Amino acid sequence: DVAYRLRRHGLVARTVQLKLRKPDFSTYTRSTTLPEATQATEPLCRAARAVLEAWWTLHPGPLRLVGVG
């Protein structure tokens, strides 16, 4: 959805941000910056997954929400 909205509005992005919420409603945000701006789904998805995997190794367990922006 993020990549689609970027394309629809004629925008590009370099920063991918994740919002992660645990069942107790504690909320964490993490981000990464890509080497170049894009509106393509694949690089944005790869970056989001890398951020999630890095966070998950330190904070495993169930999540109530995973948001990407």
Protein backbone atom coordinates (compact mmCIF):
# COMPACT_ATOMS: atom_id res chain seq x y z
CA ASP A 1 0.00 0.00 0.00
CA VAL A 2 2.84 2.41 0.78
CA ALA A 3 4.44 1.99 -2.65
CA TYR A 4 1.04 2.27 -4.35
CA ARG A 5 0.30 5.56 -2.54
CA LEU A 6 3.73 6.91 -3.48
CA ARG A 7 3.12 6.09 -7.16
CA ARG A 8 -0.42 7.46 -7.08
CA HIS A 9 0.82 10.81 -5.75
CA GLY A 10 3.96 10.92 -7.91
CA LEU A 11 6.30 10.77 -4.91
CA VAL A 12 9.41 8.79 -3.98
CA ALA A 13 10.82 7.89 -0.57
CA ARG A 14 14.16 6.98 0.96
CA THR A 15 13.11 6.30 4.56
CA VAL A 16 11.04 3.28 5.56
CA GLN A 17 9.52 3.39 9.04
CA LEU A 18 7.94 0.58 11.05
CA LYS A 19 5.56 0.99 13.96
CA LEU A 20 5.48 -2.11 16.16
CA ARG A 21 2.99 -2.56 18.99
CA LYS A 22 3.09 -5.36 21.54
CA PRO A 23 -0.01 -6.81 23.24
CA ASP A 24 0.54 -4.57 26.30
CA PHE A 25 0.30 -1.56 23.93
CA SER A 26 3.98 -0.64 24.26
CA THR A 27 4.91 0.91 20.91
CA TYR A 28 8.25 0.99 19.12
CA THR A 29 9.22 2.79 15.94
CA ARG A 30 12.24 1.88 13.87
CA SER A 31 13.39 3.15 10.49
CA THR A 32 16.01 2.72 7.83
CA THR A 33 17.15 4.90 4.95
CA LEU A 34 17.57 3.49 1.46
CA PRO A 35 20.57 4.46 -0.71
CA GLU A 36 18.29 6.09 -3.26
CA ALA A 37 14.68 7.23 -3.38
CA THR A 38 12.13 4.84 -4.85
CA GLN A 39 8.44 4.16 -5.27
CA ALA A 40 8.94 0.47 -6.15
CA THR A 41 7.31 -2.12 -3.93
CA GLU A 42 10.19 -4.60 -3.73
CA PRO A 43 12.95 -2.38 -2.25
CA LEU A 44 10.50 -0.85 0.23
CA CYS A 45 9.31 -4.31 1.30
CA ARG A 46 12.88 -5.65 1.63
CA ALA A 47 13.84 -2.66 3.80
CA ALA A 48 10.76 -3.06 6.03
CA ARG A 49 11.46 -6.76 6.46
CA ALA A 50 15.11 -6.10 7.39
CA VAL A 51 14.04 -3.59 10.05
CA LEU A 52 11.46 -6.03 11.44
CA GLU A 53 13.94 -8.92 11.55
CA ALA A 54 16.57 -6.78 13.32
CA TRP A 55 14.02 -5.66 15.92
CA TRP A 56 12.56 -9.16 16.32
CA THR A 57 15.92 -10.70 17.31
CA LEU A 58 15.98 -8.41 20.37
CA HIS A 59 12.22 -8.43 21.18
CA PRO A 60 10.65 -11.73 20.14
CA GLY A 61 7.03 -12.43 20.93
CA PRO A 62 3.55 -11.59 19.70
CA LEU A 63 2.73 -8.27 18.09
CA ARG A 64 -0.61 -6.52 18.05
CA LEU A 65 0.27 -4.18 15.18
CA VAL A 66 2.88 -3.83 12.47
CA GLY A 67 2.61 -0.62 10.49
CA VAL A 68 4.79 0.46 7.57
CA GLY A 69 5.20 4.01 6.33
